[in-house]
Amino acid sequence: MSSFNEMIKNITPEIYQSLKLAVEIGKWADGNKLTAEQRELSLQAMIAWEMQNLPEEERTGYMGPQECQSKATEVPNILFKSDAIH
């Protein structure tokens, strides 16, 4: 039996697209539902294949450059107001 990494190397773009569609709709091309284990393993295979074959911005879950929300909005300083210090 091949290792997971060997299996990923053998995934073609067509197989990747088939896995991706199956994960998205929860069914195989023949209409059979994916089990929870099949969905999990298919998603793992998709992500592993993407890491080897796609630029970061095209991978599953990519959200683009993000800034921490706390940095994006200024929080007022209510603990140490300048007029309260004497």
N, C-alpha and C. Protein backbone atom coordinates (compact mmCIF):
# COMPACT_ATOMS: atom_id res chain seq x y z
N MET A 1 0.85 -1.19 0.00
CA MET A 1 0.00 0.00 0.00
C MET A 1 0.89 1.25 0.00
N SER A 2 0.52 2.23 -0.78
CA SER A 2 1.29 3.46 -0.89
C SER A 2 1.07 4.35 0.32
N SER A 3 2.06 5.19 0.56
CA SER A 3 1.91 6.15 1.65
C SER A 3 1.03 7.30 1.18
N PHE A 4 0.57 8.10 2.12
CA PHE A 4 -0.27 9.26 1.81
C PHE A 4 0.44 10.19 0.85
N ASN A 5 1.73 10.48 1.09
CA ASN A 5 2.47 11.39 0.22
C ASN A 5 2.61 10.85 -1.19
N GLU A 6 2.81 9.54 -1.32
CA GLU A 6 2.89 8.93 -2.66
C GLU A 6 1.56 9.04 -3.37
N MET A 7 0.48 8.85 -2.61
CA MET A 7 -0.86 8.97 -3.19
C MET A 7 -1.09 10.39 -3.71
N ILE A 8 -0.68 11.39 -2.94
CA ILE A 8 -0.87 12.79 -3.35
C ILE A 8 -0.12 13.07 -4.64
N LYS A 9 1.07 12.52 -4.79
CA LYS A 9 1.86 12.73 -6.01
C LYS A 9 1.16 12.16 -7.24
N ASN A 10 0.30 11.16 -7.05
CA ASN A 10 -0.40 10.52 -8.16
C ASN A 10 -1.74 11.17 -8.49
N ILE A 11 -2.14 12.18 -7.74
CA ILE A 11 -3.41 12.86 -8.02
C ILE A 11 -3.21 13.79 -9.22
N THR A 12 -4.05 13.59 -10.21
CA THR A 12 -4.02 14.46 -11.39
C THR A 12 -4.94 15.65 -11.14
N PRO A 13 -4.83 16.70 -11.94
CA PRO A 13 -5.77 17.82 -11.78
C PRO A 13 -7.24 17.38 -11.92
N GLU A 14 -7.49 16.38 -12.75
CA GLU A 14 -8.87 15.89 -12.92
C GLU A 14 -9.36 15.19 -11.65
N ILE A 15 -8.50 14.38 -11.05
CA ILE A 15 -8.87 13.71 -9.79
C ILE A 15 -9.07 14.75 -8.70
N TYR A 16 -8.20 15.75 -8.65
CA TYR A 16 -8.34 16.83 -7.67
C TYR A 16 -9.70 17.50 -7.81
N GLN A 17 -10.08 17.84 -9.05
CA GLN A 17 -11.38 18.50 -9.27
C GLN A 17 -12.53 17.61 -8.83
N SER A 18 -12.41 16.31 -9.07
CA SER A 18 -13.44 15.36 -8.65
C SER A 18 -13.55 15.30 -7.13
N LEU A 19 -12.40 15.27 -6.44
CA LEU A 19 -12.40 15.28 -4.97
C LEU A 19 -13.01 16.56 -4.45
N LYS A 20 -12.63 17.68 -5.05
CA LYS A 20 -13.12 18.98 -4.61
C LYS A 20 -14.65 19.07 -4.74
N LEU A 21 -15.17 18.63 -5.89
CA LEU A 21 -16.62 18.65 -6.09
C LEU A 21 -17.32 17.73 -5.10
N ALA A 22 -16.75 16.55 -4.88
CA ALA A 22 -17.36 15.60 -3.93
C ALA A 22 -17.43 16.19 -2.53
N VAL A 23 -16.36 16.85 -2.10
CA VAL A 23 -16.35 17.47 -0.77
C VAL A 23 -17.37 18.61 -0.72
N GLU A 24 -17.45 19.39 -1.78
CA GLU A 24 -18.37 20.54 -1.80
C GLU A 24 -19.82 20.12 -1.73
N ILE A 25 -20.20 19.07 -2.49
CA ILE A 25 -21.62 18.69 -2.54
C ILE A 25 -21.95 17.49 -1.65
N GLY A 26 -20.91 16.83 -1.11
CA GLY A 26 -21.14 15.71 -0.20
C GLY A 26 -21.49 14.41 -0.89
N LYS A 27 -21.26 14.35 -2.22
CA LYS A 27 -21.58 13.14 -2.98
C LYS A 27 -20.48 12.87 -3.99
N TRP A 28 -20.30 11.57 -4.29
CA TRP A 28 -19.40 11.17 -5.37
C TRP A 28 -20.09 11.42 -6.70
N ALA A 29 -19.35 11.32 -7.78
CA ALA A 29 -19.91 11.55 -9.12
C ALA A 29 -21.06 10.60 -9.43
N ASP A 30 -21.06 9.40 -8.83
CA ASP A 30 -22.13 8.43 -9.08
C ASP A 30 -23.36 8.68 -8.21
N GLY A 31 -23.32 9.72 -7.38
CA GLY A 31 -24.48 10.07 -6.56
C GLY A 31 -24.44 9.53 -5.14
N ASN A 32 -23.52 8.63 -4.83
CA ASN A 32 -23.42 8.09 -3.47
C ASN A 32 -22.87 9.16 -2.52
N LYS A 33 -23.46 9.20 -1.33
CA LYS A 33 -23.01 10.16 -0.33
C LYS A 33 -21.64 9.79 0.22
N LEU A 34 -20.85 10.81 0.51
CA LEU A 34 -19.57 10.60 1.19
C LEU A 34 -19.84 10.32 2.65
N THR A 35 -19.11 9.39 3.22
CA THR A 35 -19.17 9.19 4.67
C THR A 35 -18.35 10.31 5.31
N ALA A 36 -18.48 10.49 6.59
CA ALA A 36 -17.69 11.51 7.30
C ALA A 36 -16.20 11.24 7.11
N GLU A 37 -15.80 9.97 7.16
CA GLU A 37 -14.39 9.62 6.98
C GLU A 37 -13.93 9.92 5.56
N GLN A 38 -14.76 9.61 4.57
CA GLN A 38 -14.39 9.91 3.18
C GLN A 38 -14.25 11.41 2.95
N ARG A 39 -15.15 12.17 3.53
CA ARG A 39 -15.08 13.63 3.38
C ARG A 39 -13.79 14.17 4.02
N GLU A 40 -13.48 13.69 5.21
CA GLU A 40 -12.28 14.14 5.91
C GLU A 40 -11.01 13.78 5.13
N LEU A 41 -10.91 12.53 4.67
CA LEU A 41 -9.73 12.10 3.93
C LEU A 41 -9.63 12.82 2.58
N SER A 42 -10.75 13.03 1.92
CA SER A 42 -10.75 13.74 0.64
C SER A 42 -10.29 15.18 0.82
N LEU A 43 -10.76 15.82 1.87
CA LEU A 43 -10.35 17.20 2.15
C LEU A 43 -8.86 17.26 2.47
N GLN A 44 -8.37 16.31 3.25
CA GLN A 44 -6.94 16.27 3.55
C GLN A 44 -6.13 16.09 2.27
N ALA A 45 -6.58 15.22 1.38
CA ALA A 45 -5.89 14.98 0.11
C ALA A 45 -5.92 16.25 -0.75
N MET A 46 -7.06 16.91 -0.80
CA MET A 46 -7.18 18.16 -1.56
C MET A 46 -6.18 19.20 -1.08
N ILE A 47 -6.15 19.41 0.22
CA ILE A 47 -5.28 20.44 0.80
C ILE A 47 -3.82 20.09 0.56
N ALA A 48 -3.46 18.82 0.73
CA ALA A 48 -2.07 18.40 0.50
C ALA A 48 -1.70 18.60 -0.97
N TRP A 49 -2.60 18.26 -1.89
CA TRP A 49 -2.33 18.43 -3.32
C TRP A 49 -2.18 19.92 -3.64
N GLU A 50 -3.06 20.75 -3.08
CA GLU A 50 -3.00 22.20 -3.32
C GLU A 50 -1.67 22.78 -2.87
N MET A 51 -1.17 22.32 -1.73
CA MET A 51 0.10 22.85 -1.21
C MET A 51 1.25 22.57 -2.16
N GLN A 52 1.17 21.48 -2.90
CA GLN A 52 2.24 21.11 -3.83
C GLN A 52 2.03 21.67 -5.23
N ASN A 53 0.79 22.05 -5.57
CA ASN A 53 0.49 22.37 -6.95
C ASN A 53 -0.14 23.73 -7.22
N LEU A 54 -0.59 24.43 -6.20
CA LEU A 54 -1.26 25.71 -6.42
C LEU A 54 -0.58 26.83 -5.65
N PRO A 55 -0.60 28.05 -6.20
CA PRO A 55 -0.10 29.18 -5.42
C PRO A 55 -1.02 29.40 -4.21
N GLU A 56 -0.48 29.99 -3.19
CA GLU A 56 -1.21 30.16 -1.93
C GLU A 56 -2.59 30.79 -2.12
N GLU A 57 -2.69 31.80 -2.97
CA GLU A 57 -3.97 32.51 -3.12
C GLU A 57 -5.05 31.68 -3.81
N GLU A 58 -4.71 30.52 -4.36
CA GLU A 58 -5.69 29.65 -5.01
C GLU A 58 -6.06 28.45 -4.14
N ARG A 59 -5.49 28.34 -2.97
CA ARG A 59 -5.72 27.17 -2.11
C ARG A 59 -7.01 27.32 -1.30
N THR A 60 -7.56 26.17 -0.93
CA THR A 60 -8.75 26.12 -0.09
C THR A 60 -8.49 26.85 1.23
N GLY A 61 -9.39 27.73 1.60
CA GLY A 61 -9.28 28.45 2.86
C GLY A 61 -8.49 29.74 2.80
N TYR A 62 -7.90 30.07 1.64
CA TYR A 62 -7.10 31.30 1.55
C TYR A 62 -8.02 32.50 1.76
N MET A 63 -7.60 33.41 2.63
CA MET A 63 -8.41 34.58 2.95
C MET A 63 -7.73 35.89 2.57
N GLY A 64 -6.61 35.82 1.91
CA GLY A 64 -5.93 37.05 1.52
C GLY A 64 -5.21 37.65 2.71
N PRO A 65 -4.50 38.75 2.44
CA PRO A 65 -3.80 39.40 3.55
C PRO A 65 -4.82 39.90 4.57
N GLN A 66 -4.59 39.58 5.78
CA GLN A 66 -5.50 39.96 6.86
C GLN A 66 -4.78 40.82 7.89
N GLU A 67 -5.50 41.73 8.46
CA GLU A 67 -4.97 42.52 9.56
C GLU A 67 -5.78 42.18 10.79
N CYS A 68 -5.12 42.02 11.87
CA CYS A 68 -5.79 41.73 13.13
C CYS A 68 -6.84 42.80 13.38
N GLN A 69 -8.04 42.40 13.76
CA GLN A 69 -9.13 43.35 13.97
C GLN A 69 -8.78 44.38 15.03
N SER A 70 -8.04 43.98 16.05
CA SER A 70 -7.68 44.94 17.10
C SER A 70 -6.77 46.04 16.57
N LYS A 71 -6.01 45.74 15.52
CA LYS A 71 -5.16 46.77 14.93
C LYS A 71 -5.93 47.64 13.95
N ALA A 72 -7.01 47.10 13.42
CA ALA A 72 -7.77 47.83 12.41
C ALA A 72 -8.62 48.94 13.00
N THR A 73 -9.03 48.81 14.23
CA THR A 73 -9.84 49.85 14.87
C THR A 73 -9.11 50.35 16.11
N GLU A 74 -9.16 51.63 16.29
CA GLU A 74 -8.50 52.22 17.46
C GLU A 74 -9.40 52.05 18.68
N VAL A 75 -8.82 51.57 19.74
CA VAL A 75 -9.55 51.36 20.98
C VAL A 75 -9.28 52.54 21.89
N PRO A 76 -10.35 53.18 22.39
CA PRO A 76 -10.12 54.33 23.27
C PRO A 76 -9.47 53.91 24.58
N ASN A 77 -8.60 54.74 25.08
CA ASN A 77 -7.91 54.47 26.33
C ASN A 77 -8.78 55.02 27.46
N ILE A 78 -9.52 54.16 28.12
CA ILE A 78 -10.40 54.59 29.20
C ILE A 78 -9.75 54.43 30.58
N LEU A 79 -8.64 53.73 30.64
CA LEU A 79 -8.00 53.52 31.92
C LEU A 79 -7.11 54.68 32.34
N PHE A 80 -6.44 55.27 31.40
CA PHE A 80 -5.48 56.33 31.72
C PHE A 80 -5.76 57.58 30.90
N LYS A 81 -6.72 58.33 31.32
CA LYS A 81 -7.01 59.57 30.62
C LYS A 81 -6.03 60.63 31.06
N SER A 82 -5.60 61.45 30.14
CA SER A 82 -4.56 62.44 30.43
C SER A 82 -5.01 63.46 31.49
N ASP A 83 -6.30 63.78 31.55
CA ASP A 83 -6.75 64.75 32.54
C ASP A 83 -6.92 64.13 33.94
N ALA A 84 -6.88 62.79 34.04
CA ALA A 84 -7.04 62.15 35.35
C ALA A 84 -5.71 62.04 36.09
N ILE A 85 -4.60 62.22 35.38
CA ILE A 85 -3.29 62.11 36.03
C ILE A 85 -2.87 63.51 36.48
N HIS A 86 -2.56 63.66 37.79
CA HIS A 86 -2.19 64.99 38.31
C HIS A 86 -0.78 65.00 38.75
